[in-house]
Amino acid sequence: FYLRKRPDCGNSKFILLVSIYRDYDKDDHDKFKEFE
C-alpha cells in the first residue's frame, strides 16, 4: 500500500491499498514471528 494525503483533508493521510497476496516468503514469516 501507499500512504497519500488528500488535498481536502488537511494533513490526514490515507492508505491506498494496491494489492494483497498469500505470502510464501520464509523471510517474511520469520520477520513476522520475531515481531510477534
PDB file of all heavy atoms in Angstrom:
ATOM      1  N   PHE A   1       0.835  -1.199   0.000  1.00  0.00           N
ATOM      2  CA  PHE A   1       0.000   0.000   0.000  1.00  0.00           C
ATOM      3  C   PHE A   1       0.870   1.249   0.000  1.00  0.00           C
ATOM      4  O   PHE A   1       2.065   1.199   0.277  1.00  0.00           O
ATOM      5  CB  PHE A   1      -0.955   0.005   1.198  1.00  0.00           C
ATOM      6  CG  PHE A   1      -0.277   0.053   2.538  1.00  0.00           C
ATOM      7  CD1 PHE A   1      -0.012   1.274   3.147  1.00  0.00           C
ATOM      8  CD2 PHE A   1       0.087  -1.103   3.194  1.00  0.00           C
ATOM      9  CE1 PHE A   1       0.603   1.331   4.381  1.00  0.00           C
ATOM     10  CE2 PHE A   1       0.715  -1.058   4.438  1.00  0.00           C
ATOM     11  CZ  PHE A   1       0.963   0.159   5.031  1.00  0.00           C
ATOM     12  N   TYR A   2       0.252   2.364  -0.326  1.00  0.00           N
ATOM     13  CA  TYR A   2       0.885   3.680  -0.311  1.00  0.00           C
ATOM     14  C   TYR A   2       0.160   4.550   0.702  1.00  0.00           C
ATOM     15  O   TYR A   2      -1.041   4.388   0.912  1.00  0.00           O
ATOM     16  CB  TYR A   2       0.776   4.360  -1.681  1.00  0.00           C
ATOM     17  CG  TYR A   2       1.520   3.666  -2.779  1.00  0.00           C
ATOM     18  CD1 TYR A   2       0.896   2.694  -3.561  1.00  0.00           C
ATOM     19  CD2 TYR A   2       2.849   3.970  -3.045  1.00  0.00           C
ATOM     20  CE1 TYR A   2       1.588   2.056  -4.577  1.00  0.00           C
ATOM     21  CE2 TYR A   2       3.543   3.338  -4.063  1.00  0.00           C
ATOM     22  CZ  TYR A   2       2.903   2.385  -4.825  1.00  0.00           C
ATOM     23  OH  TYR A   2       3.580   1.741  -5.836  1.00  0.00           O
ATOM     24  N   LEU A   3       0.872   5.479   1.318  1.00  0.00           N
ATOM     25  CA  LEU A   3       0.251   6.498   2.157  1.00  0.00           C
ATOM     26  C   LEU A   3       0.179   7.784   1.341  1.00  0.00           C
ATOM     27  O   LEU A   3       1.180   8.229   0.787  1.00  0.00           O
ATOM     28  CB  LEU A   3       1.068   6.751   3.422  1.00  0.00           C
ATOM     29  CG  LEU A   3       1.041   5.660   4.471  1.00  0.00           C
ATOM     30  CD1 LEU A   3       1.927   6.046   5.644  1.00  0.00           C
ATOM     31  CD2 LEU A   3      -0.372   5.400   4.960  1.00  0.00           C
ATOM     32  N   ARG A   4      -0.980   8.354   1.265  1.00  0.00           N
ATOM     33  CA  ARG A   4      -1.170   9.570   0.479  1.00  0.00           C
ATOM     34  C   ARG A   4      -2.011  10.574   1.263  1.00  0.00           C
ATOM     35  O   ARG A   4      -2.868  10.196   2.064  1.00  0.00           O
ATOM     36  CB  ARG A   4      -1.908   9.262  -0.833  1.00  0.00           C
ATOM     37  CG  ARG A   4      -1.147   8.387  -1.782  1.00  0.00           C
ATOM     38  CD  ARG A   4      -0.016   9.196  -2.436  1.00  0.00           C
ATOM     39  NE  ARG A   4       0.644   8.435  -3.468  1.00  0.00           N
ATOM     40  CZ  ARG A   4       1.794   7.805  -3.312  1.00  0.00           C
ATOM     41  NH1 ARG A   4       2.403   7.831  -2.158  1.00  0.00           N
ATOM     42  NH2 ARG A   4       2.340   7.153  -4.307  1.00  0.00           N
ATOM     43  N   LYS A   5      -1.782  11.838   0.999  1.00  0.00           N
ATOM     44  CA  LYS A   5      -2.615  12.903   1.557  1.00  0.00           C
ATOM     45  C   LYS A   5      -3.662  13.290   0.534  1.00  0.00           C
ATOM     46  O   LYS A   5      -3.415  13.237  -0.662  1.00  0.00           O
ATOM     47  CB  LYS A   5      -1.762  14.126   1.887  1.00  0.00           C
ATOM     48  CG  LYS A   5      -0.831  13.925   3.041  1.00  0.00           C
ATOM     49  CD  LYS A   5      -0.076  15.200   3.340  1.00  0.00           C
ATOM     50  CE  LYS A   5       0.889  14.978   4.480  1.00  0.00           C
ATOM     51  NZ  LYS A   5       1.664  16.190   4.768  1.00  0.00           N
ATOM     52  N   ARG A   6      -4.829  13.687   1.041  1.00  0.00           N
ATOM     53  CA  ARG A   6      -5.869  14.226   0.163  1.00  0.00           C
ATOM     54  C   ARG A   6      -5.941  15.724   0.386  1.00  0.00           C
ATOM     55  O   ARG A   6      -5.952  16.174   1.533  1.00  0.00           O
ATOM     56  CB  ARG A   6      -7.218  13.590   0.493  1.00  0.00           C
ATOM     57  CG  ARG A   6      -7.331  12.190  -0.036  1.00  0.00           C
ATOM     58  CD  ARG A   6      -8.668  11.543   0.184  1.00  0.00           C
ATOM     59  NE  ARG A   6      -9.789  12.440   0.414  1.00  0.00           N
ATOM     60  CZ  ARG A   6     -10.962  12.030   0.867  1.00  0.00           C
ATOM     61  NH1 ARG A   6     -11.171  10.771   1.134  1.00  0.00           N
ATOM     62  NH2 ARG A   6     -11.936  12.897   1.050  1.00  0.00           N
ATOM     63  N   PRO A   7      -5.995  16.473  -0.686  1.00  0.00           N
ATOM     64  CA  PRO A   7      -5.989  17.935  -0.529  1.00  0.00           C
ATOM     65  C   PRO A   7      -7.173  18.467   0.269  1.00  0.00           C
ATOM     66  O   PRO A   7      -7.075  19.504   0.905  1.00  0.00           O
ATOM     67  CB  PRO A   7      -6.024  18.461  -1.959  1.00  0.00           C
ATOM     68  CG  PRO A   7      -6.286  17.309  -2.841  1.00  0.00           C
ATOM     69  CD  PRO A   7      -6.047  16.054  -2.071  1.00  0.00           C
ATOM     70  N   ASP A   8      -8.280  17.749   0.288  1.00  0.00           N
ATOM     71  CA  ASP A   8      -9.467  18.217   1.001  1.00  0.00           C
ATOM     72  C   ASP A   8      -9.494  17.804   2.476  1.00  0.00           C
ATOM     73  O   ASP A   8     -10.435  18.114   3.179  1.00  0.00           O
ATOM     74  CB  ASP A   8     -10.733  17.713   0.302  1.00  0.00           C
ATOM     75  CG  ASP A   8     -10.804  16.192   0.237  1.00  0.00           C
ATOM     76  OD1 ASP A   8      -9.731  15.556   0.179  1.00  0.00           O
ATOM     77  OD2 ASP A   8     -11.919  15.658   0.247  1.00  0.00           O
ATOM     78  N   CYS A   9      -8.443  17.126   2.944  1.00  0.00           N
ATOM     79  CA  CYS A   9      -8.466  16.613   4.320  1.00  0.00           C
ATOM     80  C   CYS A   9      -7.263  17.062   5.154  1.00  0.00           C
ATOM     81  O   CYS A   9      -6.827  16.346   6.052  1.00  0.00           O
ATOM     82  CB  CYS A   9      -8.531  15.097   4.301  1.00  0.00           C
ATOM     83  SG  CYS A   9     -10.073  14.484   3.625  1.00  0.00           S
ATOM     84  N   GLY A  10      -6.700  18.192   4.850  1.00  0.00           N
ATOM     85  CA  GLY A  10      -5.595  18.722   5.648  1.00  0.00           C
ATOM     86  C   GLY A  10      -4.389  17.803   5.637  1.00  0.00           C
ATOM     87  O   GLY A  10      -3.964  17.330   4.594  1.00  0.00           O
ATOM     88  N   ASN A  11      -3.869  17.526   6.822  1.00  0.00           N
ATOM     89  CA  ASN A  11      -2.662  16.697   6.936  1.00  0.00           C
ATOM     90  C   ASN A  11      -2.953  15.216   7.129  1.00  0.00           C
ATOM     91  O   ASN A  11      -2.038  14.436   7.331  1.00  0.00           O
ATOM     92  CB  ASN A  11      -1.785  17.197   8.077  1.00  0.00           C
ATOM     93  CG  ASN A  11      -1.083  18.494   7.714  1.00  0.00           C
ATOM     94  OD1 ASN A  11      -0.804  18.732   6.547  1.00  0.00           O
ATOM     95  ND2 ASN A  11      -0.814  19.323   8.704  1.00  0.00           N
ATOM     96  N   SER A  12      -4.207  14.828   7.121  1.00  0.00           N
ATOM     97  CA  SER A  12      -4.554  13.416   7.295  1.00  0.00           C
ATOM     98  C   SER A  12      -3.999  12.595   6.140  1.00  0.00           C
ATOM     99  O   SER A  12      -4.038  13.014   4.992  1.00  0.00           O
ATOM    100  CB  SER A  12      -6.067  13.231   7.352  1.00  0.00           C
ATOM    101  OG  SER A  12      -6.590  13.912   8.463  1.00  0.00           O
ATOM    102  N   LYS A  13      -3.494  11.411   6.487  1.00  0.00           N
ATOM    103  CA  LYS A  13      -3.001  10.505   5.445  1.00  0.00           C
ATOM    104  C   LYS A  13      -3.982   9.355   5.280  1.00  0.00           C
ATOM    105  O   LYS A  13      -4.614   8.913   6.231  1.00  0.00           O
ATOM    106  CB  LYS A  13      -1.620   9.960   5.811  1.00  0.00           C
ATOM    107  CG  LYS A  13      -0.554  11.018   5.756  1.00  0.00           C
ATOM    108  CD  LYS A  13       0.812  10.427   5.966  1.00  0.00           C
ATOM    109  CE  LYS A  13       1.862  11.511   5.861  1.00  0.00           C
ATOM    110  NZ  LYS A  13       3.198  10.995   6.067  1.00  0.00           N
ATOM    111  N   PHE A  14      -4.082   8.881   4.053  1.00  0.00           N
ATOM    112  CA  PHE A  14      -4.981   7.782   3.731  1.00  0.00           C
ATOM    113  C   PHE A  14      -4.186   6.662   3.089  1.00  0.00           C
ATOM    114  O   PHE A  14      -3.200   6.906   2.397  1.00  0.00           O
ATOM    115  CB  PHE A  14      -6.075   8.255   2.765  1.00  0.00           C
ATOM    116  CG  PHE A  14      -7.003   9.256   3.385  1.00  0.00           C
ATOM    117  CD1 PHE A  14      -6.674  10.600   3.416  1.00  0.00           C
ATOM    118  CD2 PHE A  14      -8.184   8.839   3.961  1.00  0.00           C
ATOM    119  CE1 PHE A  14      -7.521  11.525   4.007  1.00  0.00           C
ATOM    120  CE2 PHE A  14      -9.035   9.751   4.544  1.00  0.00           C
ATOM    121  CZ  PHE A  14      -8.704  11.100   4.565  1.00  0.00           C
ATOM    122  N   ILE A  15      -4.633   5.459   3.300  1.00  0.00           N
ATOM    123  CA  ILE A  15      -3.970   4.304   2.696  1.00  0.00           C
ATOM    124  C   ILE A  15      -4.627   4.006   1.356  1.00  0.00           C
ATOM    125  O   ILE A  15      -5.850   3.917   1.251  1.00  0.00           O
ATOM    126  CB  ILE A  15      -4.070   3.068   3.609  1.00  0.00           C
ATOM    127  CG1 ILE A  15      -3.200   3.269   4.841  1.00  0.00           C
ATOM    128  CG2 ILE A  15      -3.675   1.804   2.867  1.00  0.00           C
ATOM    129  CD1 ILE A  15      -3.247   2.123   5.820  1.00  0.00           C
ATOM    130  N   LEU A  16      -3.779   3.859   0.371  1.00  0.00           N
ATOM    131  CA  LEU A  16      -4.226   3.422  -0.942  1.00  0.00           C
ATOM    132  C   LEU A  16      -3.770   1.976  -1.091  1.00  0.00           C
ATOM    133  O   LEU A  16      -2.586   1.701  -1.258  1.00  0.00           O
ATOM    134  CB  LEU A  16      -3.603   4.300  -2.036  1.00  0.00           C
ATOM    135  CG  LEU A  16      -3.843   3.871  -3.474  1.00  0.00           C
ATOM    136  CD1 LEU A  16      -5.334   3.902  -3.791  1.00  0.00           C
ATOM    137  CD2 LEU A  16      -3.085   4.774  -4.423  1.00  0.00           C
ATOM    138  N   LEU A  17      -4.696   1.051  -0.921  1.00  0.00           N
ATOM    139  CA  LEU A  17      -4.388  -0.372  -0.985  1.00  0.00           C
ATOM    140  C   LEU A  17      -4.116  -0.758  -2.431  1.00  0.00           C
ATOM    141  O   LEU A  17      -4.929  -0.498  -3.307  1.00  0.00           O
ATOM    142  CB  LEU A  17      -5.563  -1.181  -0.438  1.00  0.00           C
ATOM    143  CG  LEU A  17      -5.392  -2.677  -0.329  1.00  0.00           C
ATOM    144  CD1 LEU A  17      -4.312  -3.022   0.679  1.00  0.00           C
ATOM    145  CD2 LEU A  17      -6.704  -3.312   0.085  1.00  0.00           C
ATOM    146  N   VAL A  18      -2.966  -1.358  -2.654  1.00  0.00           N
ATOM    147  CA  VAL A  18      -2.585  -1.719  -4.015  1.00  0.00           C
ATOM    148  C   VAL A  18      -2.857  -3.184  -4.279  1.00  0.00           C
ATOM    149  O   VAL A  18      -3.469  -3.541  -5.274  1.00  0.00           O
ATOM    150  CB  VAL A  18      -1.095  -1.390  -4.262  1.00  0.00           C
ATOM    151  CG1 VAL A  18      -0.666  -1.849  -5.628  1.00  0.00           C
ATOM    152  CG2 VAL A  18      -0.861   0.087  -4.087  1.00  0.00           C
ATOM    153  N   SER A  19      -2.411  -4.058  -3.400  1.00  0.00           N
ATOM    154  CA  SER A  19      -2.603  -5.487  -3.635  1.00  0.00           C
ATOM    155  C   SER A  19      -2.411  -6.277  -2.344  1.00  0.00           C
ATOM    156  O   SER A  19      -1.711  -5.845  -1.446  1.00  0.00           O
ATOM    157  CB  SER A  19      -1.616  -5.993  -4.696  1.00  0.00           C
ATOM    158  OG  SER A  19      -0.308  -5.626  -4.341  1.00  0.00           O
ATOM    159  N   ILE A  20      -3.059  -7.419  -2.287  1.00  0.00           N
ATOM    160  CA  ILE A  20      -2.883  -8.340  -1.173  1.00  0.00           C
ATOM    161  C   ILE A  20      -2.702  -9.738  -1.750  1.00  0.00           C
ATOM    162  O   ILE A  20      -3.391 -10.121  -2.695  1.00  0.00           O
ATOM    163  CB  ILE A  20      -4.070  -8.281  -0.170  1.00  0.00           C
ATOM    164  CG1 ILE A  20      -3.808  -9.206   1.019  1.00  0.00           C
ATOM    165  CG2 ILE A  20      -5.384  -8.589  -0.846  1.00  0.00           C
ATOM    166  CD1 ILE A  20      -4.770  -9.000   2.176  1.00  0.00           C
ATOM    167  N   TYR A  21      -1.712 -10.452  -1.219  1.00  0.00           N
ATOM    168  CA  TYR A  21      -1.369 -11.784  -1.714  1.00  0.00           C
ATOM    169  C   TYR A  21      -1.115 -12.728  -0.544  1.00  0.00           C
ATOM    170  O   TYR A  21      -0.738 -12.280   0.536  1.00  0.00           O
ATOM    171  CB  TYR A  21      -0.069 -11.763  -2.538  1.00  0.00           C
ATOM    172  CG  TYR A  21      -0.040 -10.799  -3.671  1.00  0.00           C
ATOM    173  CD1 TYR A  21       0.682  -9.619  -3.592  1.00  0.00           C
ATOM    174  CD2 TYR A  21      -0.732 -11.071  -4.845  1.00  0.00           C
ATOM    175  CE1 TYR A  21       0.720  -8.732  -4.650  1.00  0.00           C
ATOM    176  CE2 TYR A  21      -0.697 -10.189  -5.910  1.00  0.00           C
ATOM    177  CZ  TYR A  21       0.035  -9.020  -5.803  1.00  0.00           C
ATOM    178  OH  TYR A  21       0.069  -8.149  -6.850  1.00  0.00           O
ATOM    179  N   ARG A  22      -1.280 -14.017  -0.791  1.00  0.00           N
ATOM    180  CA  ARG A  22      -0.766 -15.012   0.146  1.00  0.00           C
ATOM    181  C   ARG A  22       0.741 -14.851   0.148  1.00  0.00           C
ATOM    182  O   ARG A  22       1.357 -14.608  -0.869  1.00  0.00           O
ATOM    183  CB  ARG A  22      -1.095 -16.434  -0.308  1.00  0.00           C
ATOM    184  CG  ARG A  22      -2.486 -16.919  -0.025  1.00  0.00           C
ATOM    185  CD  ARG A  22      -2.726 -17.323   1.411  1.00  0.00           C
ATOM    186  NE  ARG A  22      -1.750 -18.229   1.956  1.00  0.00           N
ATOM    187  CZ  ARG A  22      -1.757 -19.557   1.811  1.00  0.00           C
ATOM    188  NH1 ARG A  22      -2.690 -20.135   1.109  1.00  0.00           N
ATOM    189  NH2 ARG A  22      -0.826 -20.294   2.359  1.00  0.00           N
ATOM    190  N   ASP A  23       1.345 -14.965   1.290  1.00  0.00           N
ATOM    191  CA  ASP A  23       2.787 -14.750   1.428  1.00  0.00           C
ATOM    192  C   ASP A  23       3.467 -16.091   1.673  1.00  0.00           C
ATOM    193  O   ASP A  23       3.269 -16.711   2.699  1.00  0.00           O
ATOM    194  CB  ASP A  23       3.051 -13.791   2.584  1.00  0.00           C
ATOM    195  CG  ASP A  23       4.471 -13.299   2.647  1.00  0.00           C
ATOM    196  OD1 ASP A  23       5.332 -13.891   1.972  1.00  0.00           O
ATOM    197  OD2 ASP A  23       4.727 -12.334   3.375  1.00  0.00           O
ATOM    198  N   TYR A  24       4.287 -16.510   0.719  1.00  0.00           N
ATOM    199  CA  TYR A  24       5.014 -17.777   0.837  1.00  0.00           C
ATOM    200  C   TYR A  24       6.496 -17.544   1.146  1.00  0.00           C
ATOM    201  O   TYR A  24       7.270 -18.488   1.174  1.00  0.00           O
ATOM    202  CB  TYR A  24       4.897 -18.569  -0.471  1.00  0.00           C
ATOM    203  CG  TYR A  24       3.469 -18.969  -0.781  1.00  0.00           C
ATOM    204  CD1 TYR A  24       2.702 -18.241  -1.679  1.00  0.00           C
ATOM    205  CD2 TYR A  24       2.882 -20.065  -0.162  1.00  0.00           C
ATOM    206  CE1 TYR A  24       1.392 -18.593  -1.957  1.00  0.00           C
ATOM    207  CE2 TYR A  24       1.571 -20.434  -0.440  1.00  0.00           C
ATOM    208  CZ  TYR A  24       0.839 -19.691  -1.336  1.00  0.00           C
ATOM    209  OH  TYR A  24      -0.456 -20.042  -1.609  1.00  0.00           O
ATOM    210  N   ASP A  25       6.879 -16.299   1.385  1.00  0.00           N
ATOM    211  CA  ASP A  25       8.278 -15.938   1.617  1.00  0.00           C
ATOM    212  C   ASP A  25       8.679 -16.285   3.054  1.00  0.00           C
ATOM    213  O   ASP A  25       8.182 -15.689   4.007  1.00  0.00           O
ATOM    214  CB  ASP A  25       8.460 -14.450   1.348  1.00  0.00           C
ATOM    215  CG  ASP A  25       9.898 -13.999   1.432  1.00  0.00           C
ATOM    216  OD1 ASP A  25      10.713 -14.664   2.095  1.00  0.00           O
ATOM    217  OD2 ASP A  25      10.206 -12.960   0.818  1.00  0.00           O
ATOM    218  N   LYS A  26       9.595 -17.237   3.209  1.00  0.00           N
ATOM    219  CA  LYS A  26      10.025 -17.672   4.538  1.00  0.00           C
ATOM    220  C   LYS A  26      10.632 -16.523   5.334  1.00  0.00           C
ATOM    221  O   LYS A  26      10.432 -16.428   6.545  1.00  0.00           O
ATOM    222  CB  LYS A  26      11.014 -18.832   4.435  1.00  0.00           C
ATOM    223  CG  LYS A  26      11.407 -19.373   5.801  1.00  0.00           C
ATOM    224  CD  LYS A  26      12.261 -20.600   5.706  1.00  0.00           C
ATOM    225  CE  LYS A  26      12.739 -21.148   7.018  1.00  0.00           C
ATOM    226  NZ  LYS A  26      12.568 -20.390   8.221  1.00  0.00           N
ATOM    227  N   ASP A  27      11.351 -15.622   4.673  1.00  0.00           N
ATOM    228  CA  ASP A  27      11.922 -14.469   5.377  1.00  0.00           C
ATOM    229  C   ASP A  27      10.819 -13.601   5.990  1.00  0.00           C
ATOM    230  O   ASP A  27      10.955 -13.129   7.118  1.00  0.00           O
ATOM    231  CB  ASP A  27      12.772 -13.608   4.442  1.00  0.00           C
ATOM    232  CG  ASP A  27      14.085 -14.276   4.063  1.00  0.00           C
ATOM    233  OD1 ASP A  27      14.537 -15.192   4.799  1.00  0.00           O
ATOM    234  OD2 ASP A  27      14.663 -13.896   3.034  1.00  0.00           O
ATOM    235  N   ASP A  28       9.734 -13.404   5.254  1.00  0.00           N
ATOM    236  CA  ASP A  28       8.599 -12.652   5.795  1.00  0.00           C
ATOM    237  C   ASP A  28       7.985 -13.376   6.990  1.00  0.00           C
ATOM    238  O   ASP A  28       7.643 -12.754   7.989  1.00  0.00           O
ATOM    239  CB  ASP A  28       7.526 -12.431   4.728  1.00  0.00           C
ATOM    240  CG  ASP A  28       7.863 -11.328   3.756  1.00  0.00           C
ATOM    241  OD1 ASP A  28       8.886 -10.631   3.961  1.00  0.00           O
ATOM    242  OD2 ASP A  28       7.107 -11.157   2.780  1.00  0.00           O
ATOM    243  N   HIS A  29       7.861 -14.681   6.895  1.00  0.00           N
ATOM    244  CA  HIS A  29       7.296 -15.459   8.003  1.00  0.00           C
ATOM    245  C   HIS A  29       8.172 -15.315   9.243  1.00  0.00           C
ATOM    246  O   HIS A  29       7.663 -15.136  10.354  1.00  0.00           O
ATOM    247  CB  HIS A  29       7.178 -16.934   7.627  1.00  0.00           C
ATOM    248  CG  HIS A  29       6.242 -17.192   6.491  1.00  0.00           C
ATOM    249  ND1 HIS A  29       5.869 -18.466   6.122  1.00  0.00           N
ATOM    250  CD2 HIS A  29       5.606 -16.369   5.622  1.00  0.00           C
ATOM    251  CE1 HIS A  29       5.046 -18.406   5.099  1.00  0.00           C
ATOM    252  NE2 HIS A  29       4.874 -17.132   4.772  1.00  0.00           N
ATOM    253  N   ASP A  30       9.491 -15.387   9.032  1.00  0.00           N
ATOM    254  CA  ASP A  30      10.422 -15.246  10.157  1.00  0.00           C
ATOM    255  C   ASP A  30      10.351 -13.850  10.765  1.00  0.00           C
ATOM    256  O   ASP A  30      10.344 -13.699  11.993  1.00  0.00           O
ATOM    257  CB  ASP A  30      11.856 -15.558   9.715  1.00  0.00           C
ATOM    258  CG  ASP A  30      12.059 -17.023   9.350  1.00  0.00           C
ATOM    259  OD1 ASP A  30      11.216 -17.869   9.745  1.00  0.00           O
ATOM    260  OD2 ASP A  30      13.059 -17.322   8.667  1.00  0.00           O
ATOM    261  N   LYS A  31      10.289 -12.819   9.932  1.00  0.00           N
ATOM    262  CA  LYS A  31      10.168 -11.439  10.427  1.00  0.00           C
ATOM    263  C   LYS A  31       8.890 -11.274  11.238  1.00  0.00           C
ATOM    264  O   LYS A  31       8.883 -10.631  12.284  1.00  0.00           O
ATOM    265  CB  LYS A  31      10.161 -10.448   9.263  1.00  0.00           C
ATOM    266  CG  LYS A  31      11.497 -10.245   8.619  1.00  0.00           C
ATOM    267  CD  LYS A  31      11.364  -9.293   7.438  1.00  0.00           C
ATOM    268  CE  LYS A  31      12.636  -9.273   6.618  1.00  0.00           C
ATOM    269  NZ  LYS A  31      12.481  -8.497   5.380  1.00  0.00           N
ATOM    270  N   PHE A  32       7.805 -11.859  10.735  1.00  0.00           N
ATOM    271  CA  PHE A  32       6.529 -11.737  11.440  1.00  0.00           C
ATOM    272  C   PHE A  32       6.599 -12.460  12.781  1.00  0.00           C
ATOM    273  O   PHE A  32       6.121 -11.949  13.794  1.00  0.00           O
ATOM    274  CB  PHE A  32       5.379 -12.281  10.594  1.00  0.00           C
ATOM    275  CG  PHE A  32       4.040 -12.031  11.225  1.00  0.00           C
ATOM    276  CD1 PHE A  32       3.433 -10.794  11.091  1.00  0.00           C
ATOM    277  CD2 PHE A  32       3.399 -13.008  11.961  1.00  0.00           C
ATOM    278  CE1 PHE A  32       2.208 -10.538  11.679  1.00  0.00           C
ATOM    279  CE2 PHE A  32       2.171 -12.764  12.555  1.00  0.00           C
ATOM    280  CZ  PHE A  32       1.578 -11.525  12.414  1.00  0.00           C
ATOM    281  N   LYS A  33       7.229 -13.618  12.805  1.00  0.00           N
ATOM    282  CA  LYS A  33       7.360 -14.373  14.058  1.00  0.00           C
ATOM    283  C   LYS A  33       8.183 -13.572  15.074  1.00  0.00           C
ATOM    284  O   LYS A  33       7.823 -13.489  16.248  1.00  0.00           O
ATOM    285  CB  LYS A  33       7.997 -15.734  13.800  1.00  0.00           C
ATOM    286  CG  LYS A  33       8.022 -16.613  15.010  1.00  0.00           C
ATOM    287  CD  LYS A  33       8.475 -18.017  14.684  1.00  0.00           C
ATOM    288  CE  LYS A  33       8.399 -18.850  15.944  1.00  0.00           C
ATOM    289  NZ  LYS A  33       8.444 -20.258  15.690  1.00  0.00           N
ATOM    290  N   GLU A  34       9.286 -12.968  14.626  1.00  0.00           N
ATOM    291  CA  GLU A  34      10.094 -12.123  15.516  1.00  0.00           C
ATOM    292  C   GLU A  34       9.271 -10.944  16.031  1.00  0.00           C
ATOM    293  O   GLU A  34       9.353 -10.592  17.216  1.00  0.00           O
ATOM    294  CB  GLU A  34      11.321 -11.600  14.776  1.00  0.00           C
ATOM    295  CG  GLU A  34      12.361 -12.651  14.481  1.00  0.00           C
ATOM    296  CD  GLU A  34      13.483 -12.109  13.600  1.00  0.00           C
ATOM    297  OE1 GLU A  34      13.677 -10.869  13.553  1.00  0.00           O
ATOM    298  OE2 GLU A  34      14.162 -12.933  12.963  1.00  0.00           O
ATOM    299  N   PHE A  35       8.488 -10.346  15.144  1.00  0.00           N
ATOM    300  CA  PHE A  35       7.620  -9.229  15.508  1.00  0.00           C
ATOM    301  C   PHE A  35       6.624  -9.649  16.592  1.00  0.00           C
ATOM    302  O   PHE A  35       6.452  -8.960  17.593  1.00  0.00           O
ATOM    303  CB  PHE A  35       6.903  -8.743  14.244  1.00  0.00           C
ATOM    304  CG  PHE A  35       5.777  -7.784  14.474  1.00  0.00           C
ATOM    305  CD1 PHE A  35       6.015  -6.488  14.898  1.00  0.00           C
ATOM    306  CD2 PHE A  35       4.467  -8.167  14.237  1.00  0.00           C
ATOM    307  CE1 PHE A  35       4.971  -5.593  15.090  1.00  0.00           C
ATOM    308  CE2 PHE A  35       3.419  -7.284  14.417  1.00  0.00           C
ATOM    309  CZ  PHE A  35       3.671  -5.999  14.858  1.00  0.00           C
ATOM    310  N   GLU A  36       5.996 -10.803  16.417  1.00  0.00           N
ATOM    311  CA  GLU A  36       5.041 -11.295  17.415  1.00  0.00           C
ATOM    312  C   GLU A  36       5.719 -11.566  18.755  1.00  0.00           C
ATOM    313  O   GLU A  36       5.171 -11.252  19.804  1.00  0.00           O
ATOM    314  CB  GLU A  36       4.368 -12.576  16.918  1.00  0.00           C
ATOM    315  CG  GLU A  36       3.227 -12.334  15.978  1.00  0.00           C
ATOM    316  CD  GLU A  36       2.422 -13.593  15.730  1.00  0.00           C
ATOM    317  OE1 GLU A  36       3.021 -14.664  15.553  1.00  0.00           O
ATOM    318  OE2 GLU A  36       1.188 -13.486  15.701  1.00  0.00           O
TER     319      GLU A  36
END
